[in-house]
Amino acid sequence: MNSDSDLQIAGDLLEVPHLLQAPRAHPATVAEFAGLARAVAADRAQWAHLVRYDATTRWYHRLRTGPGYEIWLLSWVPGQGSGVHDHGRSSGVLTVLEGTLTERTRQGGRALEAGAQRVFAPGYVHEVVNDALRPAVSLHVYFPGLTEMPMHSAHTVYSAARCAGAALGTAGAVNV
């Protein structure tokens, strides 16, 4: 058996710069976008002072943009909702920062409490509402940046959910 280690045989990897992958300056994978959302969520100083509540319409603020993505901060007073929609060609990460939001899809509904995170693909149809008695705040990362948000008939979500027995769960989105 050879006593030389693989490192000795190959040499010191730190001495072979072309073998090292440079850290990415910006996220490029779904996992990296979810990680970016968690990092922004954890840094309250970055977003808490910006939050506003508007009883007449959902409040939103574009927090940051980067190559191929954007980050939005939204507030929701009780009773406010997004309407049934998709995000066109954008994928996304929804992270609840404060309060509780309800996501409704064809498969039913689920409560998303502070810290909950959902990842979804292009064309994913859902509705997000604040069914709670307290305001909520959420963070949304879209990649590529959001260029359209087609609205759908509420019938798209609610009749299919009734037919499926309003079972909890989703298709096309993942909890992380």
N, C-alpha and C. Protein backbone atom coordinates (compact mmCIF):
# COMPACT_ATOMS: atom_id res chain seq x y z
N MET A 1 0.84 -1.18 0.00
CA MET A 1 0.00 0.00 0.00
C MET A 1 0.88 1.24 0.00
N ASN A 2 0.53 2.22 -0.79
CA ASN A 2 1.29 3.44 -0.92
C ASN A 2 1.04 4.33 0.29
N SER A 3 2.09 4.85 0.88
CA SER A 3 1.94 5.69 2.05
C SER A 3 1.68 7.16 1.69
N ASP A 4 1.83 7.49 0.43
CA ASP A 4 1.58 8.88 0.01
C ASP A 4 0.08 9.15 -0.03
N SER A 5 -0.32 10.26 0.50
CA SER A 5 -1.75 10.61 0.43
C SER A 5 -2.06 11.18 -0.94
N ASP A 6 -3.34 11.20 -1.27
CA ASP A 6 -3.75 11.78 -2.55
C ASP A 6 -3.28 13.22 -2.68
N LEU A 7 -3.30 13.95 -1.57
CA LEU A 7 -2.89 15.34 -1.60
C LEU A 7 -1.40 15.44 -1.97
N GLN A 8 -0.59 14.53 -1.43
CA GLN A 8 0.82 14.56 -1.75
C GLN A 8 1.05 14.20 -3.21
N ILE A 9 0.26 13.27 -3.71
CA ILE A 9 0.42 12.87 -5.10
C ILE A 9 -0.01 13.98 -6.04
N ALA A 10 -1.15 14.60 -5.74
CA ALA A 10 -1.69 15.64 -6.62
C ALA A 10 -1.02 16.98 -6.39
N GLY A 11 -0.43 17.15 -5.24
CA GLY A 11 0.13 18.44 -4.90
C GLY A 11 -0.88 19.24 -4.09
N ASP A 12 -0.47 20.36 -3.61
CA ASP A 12 -1.32 21.23 -2.80
C ASP A 12 -2.32 21.95 -3.70
N LEU A 13 -3.62 21.69 -3.50
CA LEU A 13 -4.64 22.32 -4.35
C LEU A 13 -4.58 23.83 -4.30
N LEU A 14 -4.15 24.38 -3.17
CA LEU A 14 -4.07 25.83 -3.07
C LEU A 14 -2.98 26.40 -3.97
N GLU A 15 -2.10 25.56 -4.42
CA GLU A 15 -1.04 25.97 -5.33
C GLU A 15 -1.45 25.84 -6.78
N VAL A 16 -2.66 25.33 -7.03
CA VAL A 16 -3.14 25.14 -8.39
C VAL A 16 -4.44 25.96 -8.54
N PRO A 17 -4.30 27.28 -8.71
CA PRO A 17 -5.46 28.16 -8.69
C PRO A 17 -6.54 27.80 -9.71
N HIS A 18 -6.17 27.22 -10.83
CA HIS A 18 -7.18 26.91 -11.83
C HIS A 18 -8.11 25.79 -11.38
N LEU A 19 -7.77 25.05 -10.33
CA LEU A 19 -8.64 24.00 -9.81
C LEU A 19 -9.65 24.52 -8.78
N LEU A 20 -9.42 25.70 -8.27
CA LEU A 20 -10.32 26.28 -7.27
C LEU A 20 -11.45 27.04 -7.95
N GLN A 21 -12.67 26.84 -7.46
CA GLN A 21 -13.79 27.62 -7.99
C GLN A 21 -13.90 28.91 -7.20
N ALA A 22 -13.94 30.00 -7.91
CA ALA A 22 -14.09 31.28 -7.24
C ALA A 22 -15.50 31.37 -6.66
N PRO A 23 -15.62 31.96 -5.47
CA PRO A 23 -16.96 32.13 -4.91
C PRO A 23 -17.79 33.03 -5.82
N ARG A 24 -19.06 32.70 -5.96
CA ARG A 24 -19.94 33.51 -6.81
C ARG A 24 -20.27 34.83 -6.12
N ALA A 25 -20.27 35.88 -6.90
CA ALA A 25 -20.64 37.19 -6.37
C ALA A 25 -22.15 37.30 -6.17
N HIS A 26 -22.92 36.52 -6.94
CA HIS A 26 -24.38 36.58 -6.88
C HIS A 26 -24.95 35.17 -6.96
N PRO A 27 -26.12 34.94 -6.34
CA PRO A 27 -26.70 33.61 -6.39
C PRO A 27 -27.06 33.19 -7.81
N ALA A 28 -27.02 31.87 -8.04
CA ALA A 28 -27.33 31.35 -9.38
C ALA A 28 -28.21 30.11 -9.33
N THR A 29 -28.34 29.48 -8.16
CA THR A 29 -29.16 28.28 -8.05
C THR A 29 -30.35 28.56 -7.13
N VAL A 30 -31.36 27.70 -7.19
CA VAL A 30 -32.52 27.86 -6.31
C VAL A 30 -32.08 27.86 -4.85
N ALA A 31 -31.20 26.95 -4.49
CA ALA A 31 -30.71 26.88 -3.11
C ALA A 31 -30.01 28.18 -2.70
N GLU A 32 -29.24 28.76 -3.62
CA GLU A 32 -28.55 30.01 -3.30
C GLU A 32 -29.55 31.17 -3.16
N PHE A 33 -30.61 31.18 -3.97
CA PHE A 33 -31.62 32.23 -3.82
C PHE A 33 -32.37 32.07 -2.50
N ALA A 34 -32.68 30.82 -2.13
CA ALA A 34 -33.33 30.58 -0.84
C ALA A 34 -32.41 31.01 0.30
N GLY A 35 -31.13 30.73 0.17
CA GLY A 35 -30.16 31.17 1.17
C GLY A 35 -30.06 32.68 1.24
N LEU A 36 -30.11 33.35 0.09
CA LEU A 36 -30.09 34.81 0.06
C LEU A 36 -31.31 35.36 0.80
N ALA A 37 -32.48 34.78 0.55
CA ALA A 37 -33.70 35.23 1.23
C ALA A 37 -33.57 35.04 2.74
N ARG A 38 -33.02 33.91 3.18
CA ARG A 38 -32.84 33.67 4.62
C ARG A 38 -31.86 34.68 5.21
N ALA A 39 -30.80 34.99 4.48
CA ALA A 39 -29.82 35.95 4.98
C ALA A 39 -30.43 37.35 5.13
N VAL A 40 -31.19 37.77 4.13
CA VAL A 40 -31.84 39.09 4.21
C VAL A 40 -32.86 39.09 5.34
N ALA A 41 -33.63 38.01 5.46
CA ALA A 41 -34.64 37.91 6.52
C ALA A 41 -34.00 38.03 7.91
N ALA A 42 -32.84 37.43 8.07
CA ALA A 42 -32.16 37.43 9.37
C ALA A 42 -31.58 38.80 9.72
N ASP A 43 -31.36 39.64 8.73
CA ASP A 43 -30.78 40.97 8.95
C ASP A 43 -31.88 42.03 9.01
N ARG A 44 -32.59 42.08 10.14
CA ARG A 44 -33.73 43.00 10.30
C ARG A 44 -33.34 44.46 10.06
N ALA A 45 -32.10 44.82 10.36
CA ALA A 45 -31.66 46.21 10.16
C ALA A 45 -31.73 46.61 8.69
N GLN A 46 -31.70 45.63 7.81
CA GLN A 46 -31.74 45.87 6.38
C GLN A 46 -33.15 46.22 5.88
N TRP A 47 -34.19 45.76 6.60
CA TRP A 47 -35.54 45.92 6.07
C TRP A 47 -36.59 46.46 7.05
N ALA A 48 -36.44 46.24 8.35
CA ALA A 48 -37.51 46.57 9.31
C ALA A 48 -37.90 48.05 9.28
N HIS A 49 -36.93 48.93 9.15
CA HIS A 49 -37.24 50.37 9.16
C HIS A 49 -37.98 50.83 7.90
N LEU A 50 -38.01 50.00 6.86
CA LEU A 50 -38.67 50.37 5.61
C LEU A 50 -40.15 50.00 5.57
N VAL A 51 -40.57 49.07 6.43
CA VAL A 51 -41.94 48.53 6.37
C VAL A 51 -42.97 49.61 6.67
N ARG A 52 -43.98 49.67 5.83
CA ARG A 52 -45.14 50.55 6.01
C ARG A 52 -46.39 49.70 5.88
N TYR A 53 -47.46 50.13 6.52
CA TYR A 53 -48.74 49.44 6.41
C TYR A 53 -49.75 50.39 5.80
N ASP A 54 -50.50 49.92 4.83
CA ASP A 54 -51.49 50.73 4.13
C ASP A 54 -52.81 49.96 4.14
N ALA A 55 -53.82 50.53 4.74
CA ALA A 55 -55.11 49.85 4.86
C ALA A 55 -55.85 49.77 3.52
N THR A 56 -55.45 50.58 2.54
CA THR A 56 -56.19 50.61 1.27
C THR A 56 -55.59 49.71 0.21
N THR A 57 -54.31 49.39 0.30
CA THR A 57 -53.66 48.56 -0.71
C THR A 57 -52.44 47.89 -0.09
N ARG A 58 -52.04 46.77 -0.67
CA ARG A 58 -50.81 46.14 -0.19
C ARG A 58 -49.64 47.08 -0.45
N TRP A 59 -48.78 47.20 0.53
CA TRP A 59 -47.59 48.02 0.40
C TRP A 59 -46.44 47.12 -0.05
N TYR A 60 -45.59 47.63 -0.95
CA TYR A 60 -44.42 46.86 -1.38
C TYR A 60 -43.28 47.82 -1.69
N HIS A 61 -42.08 47.30 -1.58
CA HIS A 61 -40.86 48.09 -1.80
C HIS A 61 -39.80 47.16 -2.37
N ARG A 62 -39.19 47.59 -3.49
CA ARG A 62 -38.09 46.78 -4.03
C ARG A 62 -36.87 47.07 -3.18
N LEU A 63 -36.41 46.04 -2.51
CA LEU A 63 -35.32 46.16 -1.55
C LEU A 63 -33.95 46.11 -2.21
N ARG A 64 -33.83 45.25 -3.23
CA ARG A 64 -32.51 45.08 -3.86
C ARG A 64 -32.68 44.44 -5.23
N THR A 65 -31.74 44.73 -6.11
CA THR A 65 -31.66 44.02 -7.38
C THR A 65 -30.23 43.52 -7.56
N GLY A 66 -30.11 42.50 -8.34
CA GLY A 66 -28.79 41.96 -8.67
C GLY A 66 -28.88 41.39 -10.07
N PRO A 67 -27.79 40.85 -10.58
CA PRO A 67 -27.82 40.27 -11.92
C PRO A 67 -28.85 39.14 -12.00
N GLY A 68 -29.95 39.40 -12.68
CA GLY A 68 -30.96 38.38 -12.90
C GLY A 68 -31.93 38.14 -11.76
N TYR A 69 -31.94 38.97 -10.74
CA TYR A 69 -32.90 38.78 -9.65
C TYR A 69 -33.27 40.12 -9.02
N GLU A 70 -34.37 40.09 -8.26
CA GLU A 70 -34.76 41.24 -7.46
C GLU A 70 -35.42 40.75 -6.18
N ILE A 71 -35.35 41.58 -5.15
CA ILE A 71 -35.90 41.25 -3.84
C ILE A 71 -36.92 42.32 -3.47
N TRP A 72 -38.13 41.87 -3.10
CA TRP A 72 -39.23 42.76 -2.73
C TRP A 72 -39.63 42.51 -1.29
N LEU A 73 -39.99 43.59 -0.61
CA LEU A 73 -40.51 43.55 0.74
C LEU A 73 -41.98 43.95 0.66
N LEU A 74 -42.88 43.16 1.24
CA LEU A 74 -44.31 43.44 1.20
C LEU A 74 -44.90 43.42 2.59
N SER A 75 -45.90 44.27 2.83
CA SER A 75 -46.66 44.20 4.08
C SER A 75 -48.10 43.89 3.76
N TRP A 76 -48.77 43.26 4.71
CA TRP A 76 -50.13 42.80 4.54
C TRP A 76 -50.91 43.10 5.82
N VAL A 77 -51.90 43.97 5.76
CA VAL A 77 -52.77 44.16 6.92
C VAL A 77 -53.84 43.06 6.85
N PRO A 78 -54.50 42.77 7.97
CA PRO A 78 -55.52 41.72 7.95
C PRO A 78 -56.53 41.93 6.82
N GLY A 79 -56.80 40.85 6.10
CA GLY A 79 -57.77 40.88 5.01
C GLY A 79 -57.17 41.15 3.64
N GLN A 80 -55.95 41.65 3.56
CA GLN A 80 -55.34 41.92 2.26
C GLN A 80 -54.83 40.64 1.61
N GLY A 81 -54.91 40.60 0.28
CA GLY A 81 -54.43 39.44 -0.45
C GLY A 81 -53.89 39.85 -1.81
N SER A 82 -53.24 38.91 -2.44
CA SER A 82 -52.60 39.16 -3.74
C SER A 82 -53.54 38.95 -4.91
N GLY A 83 -54.63 38.22 -4.70
CA GLY A 83 -55.41 37.74 -5.82
C GLY A 83 -54.71 36.52 -6.40
N VAL A 84 -55.44 35.74 -7.16
CA VAL A 84 -54.87 34.52 -7.74
C VAL A 84 -53.98 34.93 -8.92
N HIS A 85 -52.74 34.50 -8.89
CA HIS A 85 -51.77 34.95 -9.91
C HIS A 85 -50.65 33.94 -10.09
N ASP A 86 -49.85 34.17 -11.12
CA ASP A 86 -48.57 33.47 -11.26
C ASP A 86 -47.51 34.55 -11.48
N HIS A 87 -46.29 34.15 -11.71
CA HIS A 87 -45.18 35.10 -11.85
C HIS A 87 -44.53 35.03 -13.22
N GLY A 88 -45.33 34.66 -14.23
CA GLY A 88 -44.80 34.61 -15.58
C GLY A 88 -43.61 33.68 -15.67
N ARG A 89 -42.52 34.17 -16.24
CA ARG A 89 -41.34 33.33 -16.45
C ARG A 89 -40.39 33.32 -15.25
N SER A 90 -40.79 33.98 -14.16
CA SER A 90 -39.92 34.04 -12.98
C SER A 90 -40.18 32.91 -12.01
N SER A 91 -39.11 32.40 -11.43
CA SER A 91 -39.19 31.52 -10.27
C SER A 91 -39.12 32.42 -9.05
N GLY A 92 -39.39 31.88 -7.88
CA GLY A 92 -39.34 32.74 -6.72
C GLY A 92 -39.17 32.01 -5.41
N VAL A 93 -38.86 32.83 -4.40
CA VAL A 93 -38.78 32.38 -3.02
C VAL A 93 -39.61 33.35 -2.20
N LEU A 94 -40.60 32.84 -1.48
CA LEU A 94 -41.44 33.62 -0.58
C LEU A 94 -41.02 33.27 0.83
N THR A 95 -40.68 34.28 1.63
CA THR A 95 -40.29 34.07 3.02
C THR A 95 -41.16 34.97 3.89
N VAL A 96 -41.82 34.40 4.88
CA VAL A 96 -42.63 35.19 5.81
C VAL A 96 -41.71 35.71 6.90
N LEU A 97 -41.68 37.03 7.06
CA LEU A 97 -40.80 37.66 8.03
C LEU A 97 -41.50 37.88 9.37
N GLU A 98 -42.76 38.31 9.32
CA GLU A 98 -43.54 38.58 10.53
C GLU A 98 -44.98 38.18 10.27
N GLY A 99 -45.67 37.72 11.31
CA GLY A 99 -47.08 37.38 11.18
C GLY A 99 -47.29 36.04 10.51
N THR A 100 -48.51 35.87 10.00
CA THR A 100 -48.90 34.62 9.34
C THR A 100 -49.64 34.95 8.05
N LEU A 101 -49.26 34.30 6.97
CA LEU A 101 -49.94 34.44 5.68
C LEU A 101 -50.51 33.07 5.30
N THR A 102 -51.56 33.08 4.50
CA THR A 102 -52.13 31.85 3.98
C THR A 102 -51.88 31.79 2.49
N GLU A 103 -51.33 30.67 2.03
CA GLU A 103 -51.14 30.45 0.60
C GLU A 103 -52.22 29.47 0.15
N ARG A 104 -52.94 29.85 -0.91
CA ARG A 104 -53.96 28.97 -1.47
C ARG A 104 -53.55 28.58 -2.88
N THR A 105 -53.68 27.28 -3.15
CA THR A 105 -53.37 26.73 -4.47
C THR A 105 -54.50 25.79 -4.87
N ARG A 106 -54.35 25.17 -6.01
CA ARG A 106 -55.36 24.19 -6.46
C ARG A 106 -55.47 23.02 -5.48
N GLN A 107 -54.43 22.75 -4.75
CA GLN A 107 -54.43 21.62 -3.82
C GLN A 107 -54.99 21.98 -2.45
N GLY A 108 -55.27 23.23 -2.19
CA GLY A 108 -55.79 23.64 -0.88
C GLY A 108 -55.02 24.82 -0.34
N GLY A 109 -55.03 24.97 0.96
CA GLY A 109 -54.37 26.11 1.59
C GLY A 109 -53.44 25.67 2.69
N ARG A 110 -52.52 26.54 3.01
CA ARG A 110 -51.60 26.27 4.12
C ARG A 110 -51.20 27.59 4.76
N ALA A 111 -51.13 27.57 6.08
CA ALA A 111 -50.68 28.74 6.84
C ALA A 111 -49.16 28.78 6.81
N LEU A 112 -48.63 29.95 6.55
CA LEU A 112 -47.17 30.16 6.53
C LEU A 112 -46.85 31.16 7.64
N GLU A 113 -46.21 30.68 8.68
CA GLU A 113 -45.86 31.53 9.81
C GLU A 113 -44.48 32.12 9.62
N ALA A 114 -44.14 33.09 10.47
CA ALA A 114 -42.83 33.73 10.38
C ALA A 114 -41.74 32.67 10.32
N GLY A 115 -40.85 32.82 9.36
CA GLY A 115 -39.77 31.87 9.14
C GLY A 115 -40.05 30.87 8.04
N ALA A 116 -41.33 30.70 7.68
CA ALA A 116 -41.68 29.76 6.62
C ALA A 116 -41.17 30.28 5.28
N GLN A 117 -40.77 29.35 4.44
CA GLN A 117 -40.22 29.72 3.14
C GLN A 117 -40.78 28.78 2.09
N ARG A 118 -41.19 29.34 0.95
CA ARG A 118 -41.71 28.55 -0.18
C ARG A 118 -40.90 28.91 -1.41
N VAL A 119 -40.56 27.91 -2.19
CA VAL A 119 -39.84 28.10 -3.46
C VAL A 119 -40.78 27.63 -4.56
N PHE A 120 -40.91 28.43 -5.62
CA PHE A 120 -41.84 28.05 -6.70
C PHE A 120 -41.23 28.30 -8.06
N ALA A 121 -41.76 27.57 -9.03
CA ALA A 121 -41.28 27.60 -10.42
C ALA A 121 -42.12 28.56 -11.26
N PRO A 122 -41.64 28.90 -12.45
CA PRO A 122 -42.44 29.74 -13.36
C PRO A 122 -43.81 29.11 -13.60
N GLY A 123 -44.83 29.95 -13.68
CA GLY A 123 -46.18 29.49 -13.96
C GLY A 123 -46.93 28.95 -12.76
N TYR A 124 -46.33 28.91 -11.59
CA TYR A 124 -46.97 28.42 -10.37
C TYR A 124 -48.10 29.37 -9.98
N VAL A 125 -49.33 28.86 -9.92
CA VAL A 125 -50.51 29.68 -9.63
C VAL A 125 -50.87 29.56 -8.15
N HIS A 126 -50.97 30.71 -7.50
CA HIS A 126 -51.35 30.72 -6.08
C HIS A 126 -51.96 32.07 -5.71
N GLU A 127 -52.48 32.11 -4.51
CA GLU A 127 -52.97 33.35 -3.91
C GLU A 127 -52.39 33.41 -2.51
N VAL A 128 -51.95 34.59 -2.10
CA VAL A 128 -51.43 34.78 -0.76
C VAL A 128 -52.32 35.82 -0.09
N VAL A 129 -52.79 35.49 1.12
CA VAL A 129 -53.67 36.40 1.86
C VAL A 129 -53.27 36.45 3.32
N ASN A 130 -53.63 37.55 3.95
CA ASN A 130 -53.47 37.66 5.40
C ASN A 130 -54.84 37.40 6.02
N ASP A 131 -55.06 36.16 6.45
CA ASP A 131 -56.31 35.77 7.10
C ASP A 131 -56.24 35.98 8.61
N ALA A 132 -55.10 36.43 9.10
CA ALA A 132 -54.89 36.57 10.54
C ALA A 132 -55.43 37.92 11.03
N LEU A 133 -55.36 38.13 12.31
CA LEU A 133 -55.83 39.39 12.91
C LEU A 133 -54.71 40.40 13.10
N ARG A 134 -53.48 40.00 12.78
CA ARG A 134 -52.32 40.89 12.91
C ARG A 134 -51.68 41.11 11.55
N PRO A 135 -51.01 42.25 11.37
CA PRO A 135 -50.29 42.48 10.10
C PRO A 135 -49.19 41.44 9.88
N ALA A 136 -48.78 41.30 8.64
CA ALA A 136 -47.71 40.38 8.27
C ALA A 136 -46.74 41.09 7.33
N VAL A 137 -45.53 40.59 7.27
CA VAL A 137 -44.50 41.11 6.37
C VAL A 137 -43.85 39.92 5.69
N SER A 138 -43.60 40.06 4.38
CA SER A 138 -42.96 38.97 3.63
C SER A 138 -41.88 39.51 2.72
N LEU A 139 -40.97 38.62 2.36
CA LEU A 139 -39.86 38.92 1.47
C LEU A 139 -40.00 38.02 0.26
N HIS A 140 -39.84 38.58 -0.95
CA HIS A 140 -40.00 37.83 -2.18
C HIS A 140 -38.77 38.02 -3.05
N VAL A 141 -38.13 36.93 -3.43
CA VAL A 141 -36.99 36.96 -4.34
C VAL A 141 -37.49 36.36 -5.66
N TYR A 142 -37.33 37.10 -6.75
CA TYR A 142 -37.74 36.62 -8.07
C TYR A 142 -36.51 36.51 -8.97
N PHE A 143 -36.41 35.40 -9.69
CA PHE A 143 -35.31 35.21 -10.63
C PHE A 143 -35.82 34.50 -11.85
N PRO A 144 -35.68 35.05 -13.04
CA PRO A 144 -35.22 36.43 -13.25
C PRO A 144 -36.19 37.42 -12.63
N GLY A 145 -35.80 38.69 -12.62
CA GLY A 145 -36.65 39.71 -12.03
C GLY A 145 -38.07 39.65 -12.57
N LEU A 146 -39.01 40.04 -11.74
CA LEU A 146 -40.43 39.95 -12.08
C LEU A 146 -40.78 40.96 -13.17
N THR A 147 -41.27 40.46 -14.30
CA THR A 147 -41.68 41.34 -15.40
C THR A 147 -43.18 41.29 -15.64
N GLU A 148 -43.84 40.27 -15.09
CA GLU A 148 -45.29 40.16 -15.24
C GLU A 148 -45.85 39.36 -14.07
N MET A 149 -47.12 39.60 -13.77
CA MET A 149 -47.82 38.85 -12.74
C MET A 149 -49.24 38.63 -13.22
N PRO A 150 -49.42 37.69 -14.16
CA PRO A 150 -50.76 37.45 -14.72
C PRO A 150 -51.74 37.03 -13.63
N MET A 151 -52.91 37.65 -13.65
CA MET A 151 -53.97 37.32 -12.70
C MET A 151 -54.82 36.20 -13.29
N HIS A 152 -55.37 35.38 -12.41
CA HIS A 152 -56.23 34.25 -12.79
C HIS A 152 -57.56 34.38 -12.08
N SER A 153 -58.55 33.69 -12.59
CA SER A 153 -59.85 33.64 -11.95
C SER A 153 -59.73 32.92 -10.61
N ALA A 154 -60.43 33.40 -9.60
CA ALA A 154 -60.45 32.70 -8.31
C ALA A 154 -60.96 31.28 -8.50
N HIS A 155 -61.77 31.06 -9.50
CA HIS A 155 -62.30 29.74 -9.81
C HIS A 155 -61.15 28.76 -10.06
N THR A 156 -60.04 29.26 -10.61
CA THR A 156 -58.87 28.43 -10.90
C THR A 156 -58.39 27.74 -9.64
N VAL A 157 -58.37 28.45 -8.53
CA VAL A 157 -57.87 27.90 -7.28
C VAL A 157 -58.97 27.21 -6.49
N TYR A 158 -60.07 27.88 -6.28
CA TYR A 158 -61.06 27.39 -5.33
C TYR A 158 -61.86 26.19 -5.81
N SER A 159 -62.26 26.13 -7.07
CA SER A 159 -63.04 24.98 -7.51
C SER A 159 -62.17 23.73 -7.56
N ALA A 160 -60.92 23.87 -7.96
CA ALA A 160 -60.03 22.71 -8.00
C ALA A 160 -59.73 22.21 -6.58
N ALA A 161 -59.60 23.14 -5.64
CA ALA A 161 -59.34 22.73 -4.26
C ALA A 161 -60.54 21.99 -3.68
N ARG A 162 -61.74 22.43 -3.98
CA ARG A 162 -62.93 21.73 -3.50
C ARG A 162 -63.00 20.33 -4.11
N CYS A 163 -62.68 20.22 -5.40
CA CYS A 163 -62.71 18.91 -6.07
C CYS A 163 -61.68 17.96 -5.47
N ALA A 164 -60.58 18.50 -5.02
CA ALA A 164 -59.52 17.67 -4.45
C ALA A 164 -59.76 17.43 -2.96
N GLY A 165 -60.90 17.88 -2.45
CA GLY A 165 -61.19 17.70 -1.04
C GLY A 165 -60.46 18.70 -0.18
N ALA A 166 -59.97 19.77 -0.81
CA ALA A 166 -59.24 20.83 -0.11
C ALA A 166 -58.09 20.25 0.71
N ALA A 167 -57.44 19.25 0.16
CA ALA A 167 -56.30 18.64 0.85
C ALA A 167 -55.16 19.62 0.94
N LEU A 168 -54.47 19.61 2.06
CA LEU A 168 -53.32 20.49 2.21
C LEU A 168 -52.18 19.97 1.35
N GLY A 169 -51.36 20.90 0.86
CA GLY A 169 -50.22 20.54 0.02
C GLY A 169 -50.19 21.40 -1.21
N THR A 170 -49.13 21.26 -1.97
CA THR A 170 -48.99 22.05 -3.18
C THR A 170 -48.28 21.25 -4.24
N ALA A 171 -48.41 21.71 -5.46
CA ALA A 171 -47.63 21.16 -6.57
C ALA A 171 -46.91 22.32 -7.20
N GLY A 172 -45.66 22.18 -7.48
CA GLY A 172 -44.91 23.25 -8.11
C GLY A 172 -44.22 24.18 -7.14
N ALA A 173 -44.44 23.97 -5.84
CA ALA A 173 -43.76 24.77 -4.83
C ALA A 173 -43.22 23.83 -3.77
N VAL A 174 -42.17 24.27 -3.09
CA VAL A 174 -41.52 23.42 -2.11
C VAL A 174 -41.27 24.24 -0.86
N ASN A 175 -41.53 23.64 0.31
CA ASN A 175 -41.12 24.25 1.56
C ASN A 175 -39.64 24.05 1.72
N VAL A 176 -38.96 25.07 2.20
CA VAL A 176 -37.53 24.91 2.50
C VAL A 176 -37.24 25.40 3.89
